[in-house]
Amino acid sequence: MRTRKLKILNGLLILTSLVGYLEWGKGNHQFLAEAEFEVVSKLIADPLSVWHPFTLLPMVGQILLLLTLFQSTPSRMISTVGIACLGVLLVFMFAIGLLGLHFKIVASTLPFLTLAALAIRGHWKSF
């Protein structure tokens, strides 16, 4: 049962990472799912154009968390590294939302941050 809960948490982390909301300039806004679709399409056409830590790290994190869904028991280390890779971007977005008083940005990152705390606690509970 514990394994199933950890897999569900890791799956929800992937989904909630896509709900992150970005806002910049006047009238420019985008969810992370939309931005990721653009990055993947550019990655195929021109890989060097997306070579940036804030684009590659979260994608690596999602891939790592996706891998844990296919393991019989989700690996603690892979899950933690995946959460950390995704967390870099989402914690940064959360901080920007707080500093700029952008309620939508803060609210869009809270589900991921809450689930990340629960997942890390669940994965490392036996230590």
N, C-alpha and C. Protein backbone atom coordinates (compact mmCIF):
# COMPACT_ATOMS: atom_id res chain seq x y z
N MET A 1 0.82 -1.20 0.00
CA MET A 1 0.00 0.00 0.00
C MET A 1 0.86 1.26 0.00
N ARG A 2 1.96 1.24 0.76
CA ARG A 2 2.85 2.38 0.82
C ARG A 2 3.42 2.69 -0.56
N THR A 3 3.78 1.65 -1.31
CA THR A 3 4.33 1.81 -2.65
C THR A 3 3.32 2.50 -3.56
N ARG A 4 2.09 2.09 -3.45
CA ARG A 4 1.03 2.67 -4.28
C ARG A 4 0.85 4.16 -3.99
N LYS A 5 0.89 4.53 -2.72
CA LYS A 5 0.74 5.93 -2.33
C LYS A 5 1.90 6.78 -2.86
N LEU A 6 3.11 6.22 -2.80
CA LEU A 6 4.27 6.95 -3.29
C LEU A 6 4.19 7.14 -4.81
N LYS A 7 3.71 6.13 -5.51
CA LYS A 7 3.55 6.27 -6.96
C LYS A 7 2.49 7.32 -7.29
N ILE A 8 1.41 7.33 -6.53
CA ILE A 8 0.36 8.33 -6.74
C ILE A 8 0.91 9.72 -6.48
N LEU A 9 1.67 9.88 -5.40
CA LEU A 9 2.27 11.18 -5.10
C LEU A 9 3.21 11.62 -6.23
N ASN A 10 4.04 10.71 -6.71
CA ASN A 10 4.96 11.07 -7.80
C ASN A 10 4.20 11.45 -9.07
N GLY A 11 3.13 10.74 -9.37
CA GLY A 11 2.30 11.09 -10.52
C GLY A 11 1.64 12.45 -10.36
N LEU A 12 1.15 12.72 -9.16
CA LEU A 12 0.53 14.02 -8.90
C LEU A 12 1.56 15.15 -8.96
N LEU A 13 2.78 14.87 -8.57
CA LEU A 13 3.83 15.88 -8.67
C LEU A 13 4.07 16.26 -10.13
N ILE A 14 4.07 15.28 -11.00
CA ILE A 14 4.24 15.58 -12.43
C ILE A 14 3.09 16.46 -12.92
N LEU A 15 1.87 16.08 -12.57
CA LEU A 15 0.70 16.85 -13.02
C LEU A 15 0.68 18.26 -12.45
N THR A 16 0.97 18.40 -11.16
CA THR A 16 0.92 19.74 -10.55
C THR A 16 2.06 20.63 -11.03
N SER A 17 3.15 20.02 -11.49
CA SER A 17 4.23 20.85 -12.04
C SER A 17 3.80 21.51 -13.34
N LEU A 18 2.88 20.89 -14.04
CA LEU A 18 2.41 21.45 -15.32
C LEU A 18 1.42 22.58 -15.14
N VAL A 19 0.89 22.74 -13.93
CA VAL A 19 -0.12 23.76 -13.65
C VAL A 19 0.52 25.09 -13.29
N GLY A 20 1.84 25.12 -13.08
CA GLY A 20 2.51 26.37 -12.76
C GLY A 20 2.17 27.45 -13.76
N TYR A 21 1.97 28.67 -13.27
CA TYR A 21 1.51 29.78 -14.10
C TYR A 21 2.59 30.85 -14.15
N LEU A 22 2.91 31.30 -15.34
CA LEU A 22 3.90 32.35 -15.53
C LEU A 22 3.23 33.60 -16.09
N GLU A 23 3.71 34.75 -15.65
CA GLU A 23 3.19 36.02 -16.12
C GLU A 23 4.36 36.98 -16.27
N TRP A 24 4.46 37.65 -17.40
CA TRP A 24 5.53 38.61 -17.59
C TRP A 24 5.07 39.69 -18.55
N GLY A 25 5.60 40.88 -18.37
CA GLY A 25 5.25 42.00 -19.24
C GLY A 25 3.76 42.30 -19.20
N LYS A 26 3.28 42.94 -20.25
CA LYS A 26 1.85 43.25 -20.34
C LYS A 26 1.17 42.24 -21.23
N GLY A 27 0.26 41.48 -20.65
CA GLY A 27 -0.54 40.54 -21.42
C GLY A 27 0.15 39.23 -21.76
N ASN A 28 1.34 39.00 -21.25
CA ASN A 28 2.03 37.74 -21.51
C ASN A 28 1.85 36.80 -20.33
N HIS A 29 1.29 35.64 -20.59
CA HIS A 29 1.09 34.65 -19.54
C HIS A 29 1.03 33.27 -20.17
N GLN A 30 1.40 32.27 -19.37
CA GLN A 30 1.46 30.92 -19.90
C GLN A 30 1.53 29.93 -18.74
N PHE A 31 0.89 28.77 -18.92
CA PHE A 31 1.04 27.68 -17.97
C PHE A 31 2.29 26.90 -18.35
N LEU A 32 2.89 26.24 -17.38
CA LEU A 32 4.10 25.47 -17.66
C LEU A 32 3.87 24.36 -18.68
N ALA A 33 2.67 23.81 -18.72
CA ALA A 33 2.37 22.77 -19.72
C ALA A 33 2.52 23.34 -21.13
N GLU A 34 2.04 24.56 -21.34
CA GLU A 34 2.18 25.19 -22.65
C GLU A 34 3.64 25.48 -22.97
N ALA A 35 4.36 25.99 -21.97
CA ALA A 35 5.77 26.30 -22.17
C ALA A 35 6.57 25.03 -22.45
N GLU A 36 6.23 23.96 -21.75
CA GLU A 36 6.95 22.71 -21.97
C GLU A 36 6.69 22.15 -23.36
N PHE A 37 5.48 22.30 -23.85
CA PHE A 37 5.18 21.86 -25.21
C PHE A 37 6.05 22.61 -26.22
N GLU A 38 6.20 23.92 -26.01
CA GLU A 38 7.05 24.72 -26.90
C GLU A 38 8.51 24.28 -26.80
N VAL A 39 8.97 24.00 -25.59
CA VAL A 39 10.36 23.58 -25.39
C VAL A 39 10.62 22.25 -26.08
N VAL A 40 9.69 21.31 -25.95
CA VAL A 40 9.87 20.00 -26.59
C VAL A 40 9.88 20.14 -28.10
N SER A 41 9.01 20.98 -28.65
CA SER A 41 9.01 21.16 -30.10
C SER A 41 10.28 21.84 -30.57
N LYS A 42 10.81 22.79 -29.79
CA LYS A 42 12.08 23.43 -30.16
C LYS A 42 13.25 22.48 -29.94
N LEU A 43 13.14 21.61 -28.96
CA LEU A 43 14.21 20.65 -28.68
C LEU A 43 14.46 19.74 -29.87
N ILE A 44 13.39 19.40 -30.55
CA ILE A 44 13.51 18.55 -31.74
C ILE A 44 14.11 19.33 -32.91
N ALA A 45 13.66 20.57 -33.11
CA ALA A 45 14.12 21.37 -34.24
C ALA A 45 15.51 21.97 -34.03
N ASP A 46 15.72 22.58 -32.85
CA ASP A 46 16.99 23.27 -32.57
C ASP A 46 17.36 23.07 -31.10
N PRO A 47 18.04 21.97 -30.77
CA PRO A 47 18.33 21.64 -29.37
C PRO A 47 19.09 22.71 -28.59
N LEU A 48 19.97 23.44 -29.25
CA LEU A 48 20.75 24.45 -28.53
C LEU A 48 19.92 25.65 -28.10
N SER A 49 18.78 25.86 -28.73
CA SER A 49 17.95 27.02 -28.38
C SER A 49 17.27 26.85 -27.02
N VAL A 50 17.19 25.63 -26.52
CA VAL A 50 16.55 25.40 -25.22
C VAL A 50 17.55 24.98 -24.15
N TRP A 51 18.82 25.14 -24.43
CA TRP A 51 19.87 24.74 -23.51
C TRP A 51 19.98 25.76 -22.37
N HIS A 52 19.17 25.57 -21.35
CA HIS A 52 19.16 26.46 -20.19
C HIS A 52 18.72 25.65 -18.97
N PRO A 53 19.33 25.89 -17.81
CA PRO A 53 18.98 25.10 -16.63
C PRO A 53 17.50 25.16 -16.25
N PHE A 54 16.85 26.30 -16.45
CA PHE A 54 15.44 26.40 -16.08
C PHE A 54 14.51 25.72 -17.08
N THR A 55 15.04 25.26 -18.19
CA THR A 55 14.22 24.46 -19.11
C THR A 55 14.58 22.99 -19.01
N LEU A 56 15.84 22.69 -18.86
CA LEU A 56 16.27 21.29 -18.85
C LEU A 56 16.06 20.60 -17.50
N LEU A 57 16.39 21.28 -16.39
CA LEU A 57 16.25 20.65 -15.07
C LEU A 57 14.82 20.19 -14.77
N PRO A 58 13.81 21.03 -14.98
CA PRO A 58 12.45 20.55 -14.71
C PRO A 58 12.04 19.37 -15.60
N MET A 59 12.48 19.38 -16.85
CA MET A 59 12.14 18.25 -17.73
C MET A 59 12.82 16.97 -17.26
N VAL A 60 14.07 17.09 -16.81
CA VAL A 60 14.77 15.93 -16.26
C VAL A 60 14.04 15.43 -15.01
N GLY A 61 13.58 16.37 -14.19
CA GLY A 61 12.82 16.00 -12.99
C GLY A 61 11.55 15.25 -13.32
N GLN A 62 10.83 15.72 -14.33
CA GLN A 62 9.61 15.03 -14.73
C GLN A 62 9.91 13.64 -15.27
N ILE A 63 10.97 13.52 -16.04
CA ILE A 63 11.34 12.21 -16.59
C ILE A 63 11.72 11.25 -15.46
N LEU A 64 12.47 11.74 -14.48
CA LEU A 64 12.85 10.89 -13.34
C LEU A 64 11.63 10.44 -12.55
N LEU A 65 10.70 11.36 -12.30
CA LEU A 65 9.49 10.98 -11.57
C LEU A 65 8.64 10.02 -12.39
N LEU A 66 8.63 10.20 -13.70
CA LEU A 66 7.91 9.28 -14.57
C LEU A 66 8.52 7.89 -14.50
N LEU A 67 9.84 7.81 -14.43
CA LEU A 67 10.52 6.53 -14.30
C LEU A 67 10.09 5.79 -13.02
N THR A 68 9.91 6.53 -11.94
CA THR A 68 9.54 5.89 -10.68
C THR A 68 8.15 5.26 -10.75
N LEU A 69 7.32 5.75 -11.65
CA LEU A 69 5.97 5.18 -11.78
C LEU A 69 6.02 3.77 -12.35
N PHE A 70 7.10 3.43 -13.05
CA PHE A 70 7.24 2.10 -13.65
C PHE A 70 8.09 1.15 -12.82
N GLN A 71 8.61 1.63 -11.71
CA GLN A 71 9.38 0.78 -10.82
C GLN A 71 8.42 0.04 -9.88
N SER A 72 8.81 -1.16 -9.48
CA SER A 72 7.94 -1.90 -8.55
C SER A 72 7.85 -1.17 -7.22
N THR A 73 8.96 -0.64 -6.74
CA THR A 73 8.98 0.24 -5.56
C THR A 73 9.72 1.50 -5.97
N PRO A 74 9.06 2.66 -5.91
CA PRO A 74 9.71 3.90 -6.34
C PRO A 74 11.01 4.16 -5.56
N SER A 75 12.06 4.42 -6.29
CA SER A 75 13.36 4.69 -5.68
C SER A 75 13.34 6.02 -4.93
N ARG A 76 13.83 5.98 -3.70
CA ARG A 76 13.91 7.21 -2.90
C ARG A 76 14.78 8.24 -3.56
N MET A 77 15.95 7.79 -4.00
CA MET A 77 16.93 8.73 -4.54
C MET A 77 16.44 9.34 -5.86
N ILE A 78 15.91 8.53 -6.74
CA ILE A 78 15.41 9.05 -8.02
C ILE A 78 14.25 10.00 -7.77
N SER A 79 13.36 9.66 -6.87
CA SER A 79 12.24 10.53 -6.54
C SER A 79 12.71 11.86 -5.97
N THR A 80 13.66 11.80 -5.06
CA THR A 80 14.17 13.01 -4.43
C THR A 80 14.88 13.90 -5.43
N VAL A 81 15.68 13.32 -6.30
CA VAL A 81 16.38 14.11 -7.32
C VAL A 81 15.36 14.70 -8.30
N GLY A 82 14.35 13.93 -8.67
CA GLY A 82 13.31 14.44 -9.56
C GLY A 82 12.55 15.61 -8.95
N ILE A 83 12.21 15.48 -7.67
CA ILE A 83 11.51 16.56 -6.97
C ILE A 83 12.41 17.79 -6.88
N ALA A 84 13.69 17.58 -6.61
CA ALA A 84 14.62 18.70 -6.52
C ALA A 84 14.76 19.42 -7.86
N CYS A 85 14.86 18.65 -8.94
CA CYS A 85 14.98 19.26 -10.28
C CYS A 85 13.74 20.09 -10.62
N LEU A 86 12.59 19.55 -10.34
CA LEU A 86 11.35 20.31 -10.59
C LEU A 86 11.21 21.46 -9.60
N GLY A 87 11.62 21.20 -8.37
CA GLY A 87 11.48 22.20 -7.31
C GLY A 87 12.28 23.45 -7.55
N VAL A 88 13.41 23.33 -8.25
CA VAL A 88 14.23 24.51 -8.54
C VAL A 88 13.37 25.57 -9.24
N LEU A 89 12.67 25.18 -10.26
CA LEU A 89 11.85 26.12 -11.02
C LEU A 89 10.63 26.58 -10.21
N LEU A 90 9.94 25.64 -9.58
CA LEU A 90 8.70 26.01 -8.91
C LEU A 90 8.93 26.82 -7.64
N VAL A 91 10.00 26.58 -6.92
CA VAL A 91 10.33 27.41 -5.76
C VAL A 91 10.72 28.81 -6.23
N PHE A 92 11.45 28.88 -7.33
CA PHE A 92 11.81 30.17 -7.91
C PHE A 92 10.55 30.94 -8.32
N MET A 93 9.62 30.25 -8.96
CA MET A 93 8.36 30.89 -9.36
C MET A 93 7.57 31.35 -8.13
N PHE A 94 7.56 30.53 -7.09
CA PHE A 94 6.86 30.88 -5.85
C PHE A 94 7.47 32.15 -5.25
N ALA A 95 8.79 32.22 -5.21
CA ALA A 95 9.47 33.40 -4.67
C ALA A 95 9.16 34.65 -5.51
N ILE A 96 9.18 34.50 -6.83
CA ILE A 96 8.86 35.63 -7.71
C ILE A 96 7.42 36.08 -7.49
N GLY A 97 6.52 35.11 -7.35
CA GLY A 97 5.12 35.45 -7.09
C GLY A 97 4.95 36.21 -5.79
N LEU A 98 5.67 35.79 -4.75
CA LEU A 98 5.59 36.50 -3.47
C LEU A 98 6.18 37.90 -3.56
N LEU A 99 7.35 38.00 -4.18
CA LEU A 99 8.01 39.31 -4.28
C LEU A 99 7.21 40.29 -5.13
N GLY A 100 6.61 39.79 -6.20
CA GLY A 100 5.85 40.66 -7.09
C GLY A 100 4.38 40.75 -6.75
N LEU A 101 3.98 40.08 -5.66
CA LEU A 101 2.58 40.03 -5.23
C LEU A 101 1.65 39.56 -6.36
N HIS A 102 2.07 38.51 -7.04
CA HIS A 102 1.26 37.88 -8.08
C HIS A 102 0.57 36.66 -7.48
N PHE A 103 -0.67 36.84 -7.07
CA PHE A 103 -1.40 35.78 -6.40
C PHE A 103 -1.55 34.54 -7.27
N LYS A 104 -1.76 34.71 -8.58
CA LYS A 104 -1.95 33.56 -9.47
C LYS A 104 -0.70 32.68 -9.52
N ILE A 105 0.45 33.31 -9.54
CA ILE A 105 1.70 32.55 -9.60
C ILE A 105 1.90 31.78 -8.30
N VAL A 106 1.70 32.44 -7.17
CA VAL A 106 1.85 31.80 -5.87
C VAL A 106 0.87 30.63 -5.75
N ALA A 107 -0.38 30.87 -6.10
CA ALA A 107 -1.42 29.83 -5.98
C ALA A 107 -1.14 28.65 -6.91
N SER A 108 -0.54 28.90 -8.06
CA SER A 108 -0.29 27.80 -9.00
C SER A 108 0.87 26.91 -8.56
N THR A 109 1.75 27.42 -7.72
CA THR A 109 2.88 26.62 -7.26
C THR A 109 2.61 25.89 -5.95
N LEU A 110 1.63 26.34 -5.20
CA LEU A 110 1.35 25.72 -3.89
C LEU A 110 0.99 24.24 -3.96
N PRO A 111 0.19 23.78 -4.92
CA PRO A 111 -0.09 22.33 -4.97
C PRO A 111 1.18 21.50 -5.12
N PHE A 112 2.08 21.93 -5.99
CA PHE A 112 3.33 21.18 -6.17
C PHE A 112 4.16 21.20 -4.89
N LEU A 113 4.31 22.37 -4.30
CA LEU A 113 5.15 22.48 -3.10
C LEU A 113 4.60 21.66 -1.95
N THR A 114 3.28 21.63 -1.81
CA THR A 114 2.65 20.83 -0.76
C THR A 114 2.88 19.34 -1.01
N LEU A 115 2.61 18.90 -2.23
CA LEU A 115 2.82 17.50 -2.57
C LEU A 115 4.29 17.10 -2.49
N ALA A 116 5.19 18.01 -2.84
CA ALA A 116 6.62 17.71 -2.76
C ALA A 116 7.02 17.45 -1.31
N ALA A 117 6.51 18.26 -0.39
CA ALA A 117 6.81 18.05 1.03
C ALA A 117 6.26 16.71 1.50
N LEU A 118 5.03 16.38 1.10
CA LEU A 118 4.43 15.10 1.48
C LEU A 118 5.19 13.92 0.88
N ALA A 119 5.62 14.07 -0.38
CA ALA A 119 6.33 12.98 -1.05
C ALA A 119 7.69 12.75 -0.41
N ILE A 120 8.41 13.81 -0.13
CA ILE A 120 9.73 13.66 0.49
C ILE A 120 9.57 13.02 1.87
N ARG A 121 8.58 13.47 2.60
CA ARG A 121 8.32 12.87 3.91
C ARG A 121 7.97 11.39 3.77
N GLY A 122 7.15 11.06 2.79
CA GLY A 122 6.75 9.66 2.57
C GLY A 122 7.90 8.79 2.13
N HIS A 123 8.77 9.31 1.29
CA HIS A 123 9.90 8.53 0.80
C HIS A 123 10.96 8.31 1.87
N TRP A 124 11.14 9.27 2.74
CA TRP A 124 12.22 9.20 3.73
C TRP A 124 11.69 8.91 5.13
N LYS A 125 10.44 8.53 5.25
CA LYS A 125 9.83 8.28 6.56
C LYS A 125 10.52 7.17 7.33
N SER A 126 11.04 6.17 6.66
CA SER A 126 11.63 5.04 7.35
C SER A 126 13.01 5.36 7.92
N PHE A 127 13.58 6.53 7.54
CA PHE A 127 14.90 6.89 8.09
C PHE A 127 14.78 7.62 9.38
